[in-house]
């Protein structure tokens, strides 16, 4: 029987998945979401699932100190490495926001300059080099970047945001997408 916290986190992940899909921050079966529970356990979205149509019972329960089950997201290793090395991260959202991807393809990162609220939420945006999806190398590189920042842009692979809960991580994805859109709209990508 799930605890009250687990039931709440399951509902939050389902709602965040629906928000990501509705806002166009993921498409099809892209992206993944997870959160820590009060002990060594965490919840993560299942492999190949449409995050916009999740049910609470679809989520996979993992143990942070053990290999992820085969039913867990293909990026489960990334989530586990971040949780192992970043105790401040309690939830993770990995999305593929189109403006972030467009900006990254130009070799730039979202710039919240001139938007104080966005700067406060994002802080410094880190970058992870191009590494194979679902690889131990990508997981380790992402964990190293998220030790220093709250948001990491993955070369040609989207964005990973950490937060205090799934909603907090989603807010960082949304603000990074807004900052990317604003950055792309500026002449020569300059600061405001």
C-alpha atoms as a PDB file:
ATOM      1  CA  UNK A   1       0.000   0.000   0.000  1.00  0.00           C
ATOM      2  CA  UNK A   2       1.539   3.344  -1.025  1.00  0.00           C
ATOM      3  CA  UNK A   3       2.176   5.929   1.653  1.00  0.00           C
ATOM      4  CA  UNK A   4       0.436   9.292   1.518  1.00  0.00           C
ATOM      5  CA  UNK A   5       3.651  10.882   0.161  1.00  0.00           C
ATOM      6  CA  UNK A   6       4.008   8.248  -2.554  1.00  0.00           C
ATOM      7  CA  UNK A   7       0.378   8.692  -3.621  1.00  0.00           C
ATOM      8  CA  UNK A   8       0.861  12.463  -3.748  1.00  0.00           C
ATOM      9  CA  UNK A   9       4.075  12.183  -5.788  1.00  0.00           C
ATOM     10  CA  UNK A  10       2.428   9.754  -8.213  1.00  0.00           C
ATOM     11  CA  UNK A  11      -0.391  12.258  -8.789  1.00  0.00           C
ATOM     12  CA  UNK A  12       2.118  15.094  -9.259  1.00  0.00           C
ATOM     13  CA  UNK A  13       4.158  13.161 -11.839  1.00  0.00           C
ATOM     14  CA  UNK A  14       0.999  12.325 -13.793  1.00  0.00           C
ATOM     15  CA  UNK A  15      -0.078  15.987 -13.761  1.00  0.00           C
ATOM     16  CA  UNK A  16       3.399  17.216 -14.728  1.00  0.00           C
ATOM     17  CA  UNK A  17       3.498  14.751 -17.634  1.00  0.00           C
ATOM     18  CA  UNK A  18       0.158  16.088 -18.859  1.00  0.00           C
ATOM     19  CA  UNK A  19       1.417  19.689 -18.531  1.00  0.00           C
ATOM     20  CA  UNK A  20       4.605  18.910 -20.475  1.00  0.00           C
ATOM     21  CA  UNK A  21       2.587  17.404 -23.329  1.00  0.00           C
ATOM     22  CA  UNK A  22      -0.048  20.149 -23.314  1.00  0.00           C
ATOM     23  CA  UNK A  23       2.619  22.884 -23.427  1.00  0.00           C
ATOM     24  CA  UNK A  24       4.521  21.200 -26.271  1.00  0.00           C
ATOM     25  CA  UNK A  25       7.616  20.618 -24.127  1.00  0.00           C
ATOM     26  CA  UNK A  26       7.533  16.924 -25.048  1.00  0.00           C
ATOM     27  CA  UNK A  27       5.933  15.100 -27.953  1.00  0.00           C
ATOM     28  CA  UNK A  28       4.898  11.504 -28.388  1.00  0.00           C
ATOM     29  CA  UNK A  29       6.807   9.296 -26.003  1.00  0.00           C
ATOM     30  CA  UNK A  30       9.634  11.754 -25.268  1.00  0.00           C
ATOM     31  CA  UNK A  31      10.894  12.831 -21.883  1.00  0.00           C
ATOM     32  CA  UNK A  32      10.858  11.368 -18.421  1.00  0.00           C
ATOM     33  CA  UNK A  33       9.990  12.449 -14.886  1.00  0.00           C
ATOM     34  CA  UNK A  34      11.026  11.165 -11.488  1.00  0.00           C
ATOM     35  CA  UNK A  35      11.053  12.079  -7.819  1.00  0.00           C
ATOM     36  CA  UNK A  36      12.608  10.844  -4.611  1.00  0.00           C
ATOM     37  CA  UNK A  37      10.479   9.440  -1.854  1.00  0.00           C
ATOM     38  CA  UNK A  38      11.327   9.733   1.834  1.00  0.00           C
ATOM     39  CA  UNK A  39      13.757   6.803   1.798  1.00  0.00           C
ATOM     40  CA  UNK A  40      16.049   5.132  -0.787  1.00  0.00           C
ATOM     41  CA  UNK A  41      13.138   4.763  -3.207  1.00  0.00           C
ATOM     42  CA  UNK A  42      12.098   6.863  -6.165  1.00  0.00           C
ATOM     43  CA  UNK A  43       9.313   6.947  -8.713  1.00  0.00           C
ATOM     44  CA  UNK A  44      10.027   7.257 -12.433  1.00  0.00           C
ATOM     45  CA  UNK A  45       7.978   7.222 -15.601  1.00  0.00           C
ATOM     46  CA  UNK A  46       7.903   3.932 -17.509  1.00  0.00           C
ATOM     47  CA  UNK A  47       9.897   3.162 -20.645  1.00  0.00           C
ATOM     48  CA  UNK A  48       8.139   4.192 -23.846  1.00  0.00           C
ATOM     49  CA  UNK A  49       5.072   5.708 -22.189  1.00  0.00           C
ATOM     50  CA  UNK A  50       3.159   8.719 -23.461  1.00  0.00           C
ATOM     51  CA  UNK A  51       3.771  11.142 -20.571  1.00  0.00           C
ATOM     52  CA  UNK A  52       0.635  13.099 -21.443  1.00  0.00           C
ATOM     53  CA  UNK A  53      -1.543  10.050 -20.746  1.00  0.00           C
ATOM     54  CA  UNK A  54      -0.013   8.508 -17.658  1.00  0.00           C
ATOM     55  CA  UNK A  55      -1.881   6.885 -14.786  1.00  0.00           C
ATOM     56  CA  UNK A  56      -0.493   6.821 -11.261  1.00  0.00           C
ATOM     57  CA  UNK A  57      -0.240   3.024 -11.409  1.00  0.00           C
ATOM     58  CA  UNK A  58       2.012   3.256 -14.525  1.00  0.00           C
ATOM     59  CA  UNK A  59       4.913   4.739 -12.568  1.00  0.00           C
ATOM     60  CA  UNK A  60       7.855   2.500 -11.726  1.00  0.00           C
ATOM     61  CA  UNK A  61       9.180   2.241  -8.187  1.00  0.00           C
ATOM     62  CA  UNK A  62      12.999   2.039  -8.091  1.00  0.00           C
ATOM     63  CA  UNK A  63      15.640   1.814  -5.423  1.00  0.00           C
ATOM     64  CA  UNK A  64      18.390   4.421  -5.744  1.00  0.00           C
ATOM     65  CA  UNK A  65      21.093   1.942  -4.742  1.00  0.00           C
ATOM     66  CA  UNK A  66      20.106  -0.786  -7.225  1.00  0.00           C
ATOM     67  CA  UNK A  67      19.990  -1.064 -11.018  1.00  0.00           C
ATOM     68  CA  UNK A  68      16.693   0.196 -12.419  1.00  0.00           C
ATOM     69  CA  UNK A  69      14.051  -2.312 -13.483  1.00  0.00           C
ATOM     70  CA  UNK A  70      13.672  -2.917 -17.223  1.00  0.00           C
ATOM     71  CA  UNK A  71      10.251  -1.240 -17.138  1.00  0.00           C
ATOM     72  CA  UNK A  72      11.753   2.093 -15.997  1.00  0.00           C
ATOM     73  CA  UNK A  73      12.479   4.930 -18.417  1.00  0.00           C
ATOM     74  CA  UNK A  74      15.407   4.402 -20.770  1.00  0.00           C
ATOM     75  CA  UNK A  75      17.031   7.385 -19.006  1.00  0.00           C
ATOM     76  CA  UNK A  76      16.586   5.890 -15.526  1.00  0.00           C
ATOM     77  CA  UNK A  77      20.361   5.704 -15.088  1.00  0.00           C
ATOM     78  CA  UNK A  78      20.593   9.484 -15.578  1.00  0.00           C
ATOM     79  CA  UNK A  79      17.989  10.040 -12.864  1.00  0.00           C
ATOM     80  CA  UNK A  80      19.691   7.622 -10.470  1.00  0.00           C
ATOM     81  CA  UNK A  81      23.111   9.248 -10.958  1.00  0.00           C
ATOM     82  CA  UNK A  82      21.709  12.716 -10.332  1.00  0.00           C
ATOM     83  CA  UNK A  83      20.017  11.533  -7.134  1.00  0.00           C
ATOM     84  CA  UNK A  84      23.205   9.787  -5.970  1.00  0.00           C
ATOM     85  CA  UNK A  85      25.384  12.867  -6.490  1.00  0.00           C
ATOM     86  CA  UNK A  86      22.975  15.770  -5.935  1.00  0.00           C
ATOM     87  CA  UNK A  87      21.204  15.474  -2.581  1.00  0.00           C
ATOM     88  CA  UNK A  88      19.492  18.840  -3.153  1.00  0.00           C
ATOM     89  CA  UNK A  89      17.590  17.417  -6.152  1.00  0.00           C
ATOM     90  CA  UNK A  90      14.323  15.801  -5.087  1.00  0.00           C
ATOM     91  CA  UNK A  91      12.635  15.653  -8.515  1.00  0.00           C
ATOM     92  CA  UNK A  92      13.790  15.616 -12.143  1.00  0.00           C
ATOM     93  CA  UNK A  93      12.069  16.537 -15.398  1.00  0.00           C
ATOM     94  CA  UNK A  94      13.744  15.706 -18.723  1.00  0.00           C
ATOM     95  CA  UNK A  95      11.995  17.387 -21.649  1.00  0.00           C
ATOM     96  CA  UNK A  96      12.696  18.416 -25.236  1.00  0.00           C
ATOM     97  CA  UNK A  97      11.532  22.059 -25.376  1.00  0.00           C
ATOM     98  CA  UNK A  98      11.638  23.260 -29.003  1.00  0.00           C
ATOM     99  CA  UNK A  99      13.127  26.728 -28.361  1.00  0.00           C
ATOM    100  CA  UNK A 100      15.804  25.275 -26.073  1.00  0.00           C
ATOM    101  CA  UNK A 101      16.649  22.745 -28.806  1.00  0.00           C
ATOM    102  CA  UNK A 102      16.764  25.470 -31.480  1.00  0.00           C
ATOM    103  CA  UNK A 103      18.995  27.658 -29.342  1.00  0.00           C
ATOM    104  CA  UNK A 104      21.293  24.740 -28.443  1.00  0.00           C
ATOM    105  CA  UNK A 105      21.651  23.899 -32.141  1.00  0.00           C
ATOM    106  CA  UNK A 106      23.205  27.358 -32.531  1.00  0.00           C
ATOM    107  CA  UNK A 107      25.658  26.653 -29.728  1.00  0.00           C
ATOM    108  CA  UNK A 108      23.899  28.899 -27.200  1.00  0.00           C
ATOM    109  CA  UNK A 109      22.028  28.429 -23.935  1.00  0.00           C
ATOM    110  CA  UNK A 110      18.865  30.089 -22.600  1.00  0.00           C
ATOM    111  CA  UNK A 111      19.691  33.524 -21.183  1.00  0.00           C
ATOM    112  CA  UNK A 112      17.361  34.852 -18.504  1.00  0.00           C
ATOM    113  CA  UNK A 113      19.192  38.203 -18.482  1.00  0.00           C
ATOM    114  CA  UNK A 114      16.791  41.058 -17.974  1.00  0.00           C
ATOM    115  CA  UNK A 115      14.115  38.823 -16.455  1.00  0.00           C
ATOM    116  CA  UNK A 116      14.784  38.860 -12.682  1.00  0.00           C
ATOM    117  CA  UNK A 117      12.184  36.218 -11.806  1.00  0.00           C
ATOM    118  CA  UNK A 118      13.544  33.881 -14.490  1.00  0.00           C
ATOM    119  CA  UNK A 119      17.115  34.481 -13.306  1.00  0.00           C
ATOM    120  CA  UNK A 120      16.097  33.624  -9.745  1.00  0.00           C
ATOM    121  CA  UNK A 121      14.433  30.365 -10.781  1.00  0.00           C
ATOM    122  CA  UNK A 122      17.009  29.226 -13.338  1.00  0.00           C
ATOM    123  CA  UNK A 123      20.284  30.538 -12.020  1.00  0.00           C
ATOM    124  CA  UNK A 124      23.173  29.458 -14.225  1.00  0.00           C
ATOM    125  CA  UNK A 125      22.162  27.065 -17.023  1.00  0.00           C
ATOM    126  CA  UNK A 126      24.743  24.312 -17.523  1.00  0.00           C
ATOM    127  CA  UNK A 127      25.566  22.361 -20.655  1.00  0.00           C
ATOM    128  CA  UNK A 128      26.220  18.646 -21.140  1.00  0.00           C
ATOM    129  CA  UNK A 129      28.162  17.672 -24.283  1.00  0.00           C
ATOM    130  CA  UNK A 130      26.799  15.302 -26.894  1.00  0.00           C
ATOM    131  CA  UNK A 131      26.840  11.816 -25.396  1.00  0.00           C
ATOM    132  CA  UNK A 132      24.871   8.679 -26.290  1.00  0.00           C
ATOM    133  CA  UNK A 133      21.318   8.655 -24.875  1.00  0.00           C
ATOM    134  CA  UNK A 134      20.764   6.290 -21.934  1.00  0.00           C
ATOM    135  CA  UNK A 135      24.532   5.891 -21.466  1.00  0.00           C
ATOM    136  CA  UNK A 136      26.518   5.848 -18.240  1.00  0.00           C
ATOM    137  CA  UNK A 137      28.606   8.699 -19.684  1.00  0.00           C
ATOM    138  CA  UNK A 138      25.534  10.895 -20.166  1.00  0.00           C
ATOM    139  CA  UNK A 139      24.256  10.040 -16.690  1.00  0.00           C
ATOM    140  CA  UNK A 140      27.585  10.934 -15.076  1.00  0.00           C
ATOM    141  CA  UNK A 141      28.018  14.164 -17.065  1.00  0.00           C
ATOM    142  CA  UNK A 142      24.500  15.296 -16.222  1.00  0.00           C
ATOM    143  CA  UNK A 143      25.014  14.577 -12.521  1.00  0.00           C
ATOM    144  CA  UNK A 144      28.262  16.574 -12.551  1.00  0.00           C
ATOM    145  CA  UNK A 145      26.548  19.594 -14.143  1.00  0.00           C
ATOM    146  CA  UNK A 146      23.542  19.441 -11.793  1.00  0.00           C
ATOM    147  CA  UNK A 147      25.872  19.504  -8.790  1.00  0.00           C
ATOM    148  CA  UNK A 148      26.574  23.135  -9.788  1.00  0.00           C
ATOM    149  CA  UNK A 149      23.284  24.272 -11.298  1.00  0.00           C
ATOM    150  CA  UNK A 150      19.557  23.478 -11.416  1.00  0.00           C
ATOM    151  CA  UNK A 151      19.179  23.168 -15.193  1.00  0.00           C
ATOM    152  CA  UNK A 152      21.321  21.332 -17.752  1.00  0.00           C
ATOM    153  CA  UNK A 153      20.908  21.565 -21.511  1.00  0.00           C
ATOM    154  CA  UNK A 154      21.911  18.270 -23.128  1.00  0.00           C
ATOM    155  CA  UNK A 155      23.509  18.697 -26.552  1.00  0.00           C
ATOM    156  CA  UNK A 156      20.909  17.648 -29.162  1.00  0.00           C
ATOM    157  CA  UNK A 157      18.906  15.929 -26.424  1.00  0.00           C
ATOM    158  CA  UNK A 158      16.824  18.510 -24.595  1.00  0.00           C
ATOM    159  CA  UNK A 159      16.969  19.725 -21.039  1.00  0.00           C
ATOM    160  CA  UNK A 160      17.091  18.241 -17.539  1.00  0.00           C
ATOM    161  CA  UNK A 161      15.844  20.270 -14.585  1.00  0.00           C
ATOM    162  CA  UNK A 162      16.060  19.422 -10.913  1.00  0.00           C
ATOM    163  CA  UNK A 163      13.729  20.711  -8.243  1.00  0.00           C
ATOM    164  CA  UNK A 164      12.242  20.312  -4.792  1.00  0.00           C
ATOM    165  CA  UNK A 165       9.278  18.434  -6.286  1.00  0.00           C
ATOM    166  CA  UNK A 166       7.957  17.650  -9.783  1.00  0.00           C
ATOM    167  CA  UNK A 167       6.192  21.029 -10.034  1.00  0.00           C
ATOM    168  CA  UNK A 168       9.379  22.913  -9.171  1.00  0.00           C
ATOM    169  CA  UNK A 169      11.346  21.002 -11.812  1.00  0.00           C
ATOM    170  CA  UNK A 170       8.571  21.652 -14.364  1.00  0.00           C
ATOM    171  CA  UNK A 171       8.675  25.384 -13.581  1.00  0.00           C
ATOM    172  CA  UNK A 172      12.386  25.415 -14.427  1.00  0.00           C
ATOM    173  CA  UNK A 173      11.721  23.685 -17.753  1.00  0.00           C
ATOM    174  CA  UNK A 174       8.991  26.218 -18.569  1.00  0.00           C
ATOM    175  CA  UNK A 175      11.157  29.209 -17.655  1.00  0.00           C
ATOM    176  CA  UNK A 176      14.154  27.818 -19.571  1.00  0.00           C
ATOM    177  CA  UNK A 177      11.898  27.505 -22.639  1.00  0.00           C
ATOM    178  CA  UNK A 178      10.710  31.105 -22.194  1.00  0.00           C
ATOM    179  CA  UNK A 179      14.309  32.312 -21.770  1.00  0.00           C
ATOM    180  CA  UNK A 180      15.334  30.403 -24.912  1.00  0.00           C
ATOM    181  CA  UNK A 181      12.482  31.958 -26.872  1.00  0.00           C
ATOM    182  CA  UNK A 182      13.444  35.455 -25.683  1.00  0.00           C
ATOM    183  CA  UNK A 183      17.130  34.801 -26.403  1.00  0.00           C
ATOM    184  CA  UNK A 184      16.328  33.666 -29.947  1.00  0.00           C
ATOM    185  CA  UNK A 185      14.193  36.782 -30.517  1.00  0.00           C
ATOM    186  CA  UNK A 186      16.975  39.203 -29.557  1.00  0.00           C
ATOM    187  CA  UNK A 187      19.108  40.664 -32.331  1.00  0.00           C
ATOM    188  CA  UNK A 188      22.223  38.464 -32.556  1.00  0.00           C
ATOM    189  CA  UNK A 189      21.124  36.711 -29.351  1.00  0.00           C
ATOM    190  CA  UNK A 190      22.383  39.637 -27.263  1.00  0.00           C
ATOM    191  CA  UNK A 191      21.387  40.299 -23.678  1.00  0.00           C
ATOM    192  CA  UNK A 192      18.550  42.711 -23.061  1.00  0.00           C
END
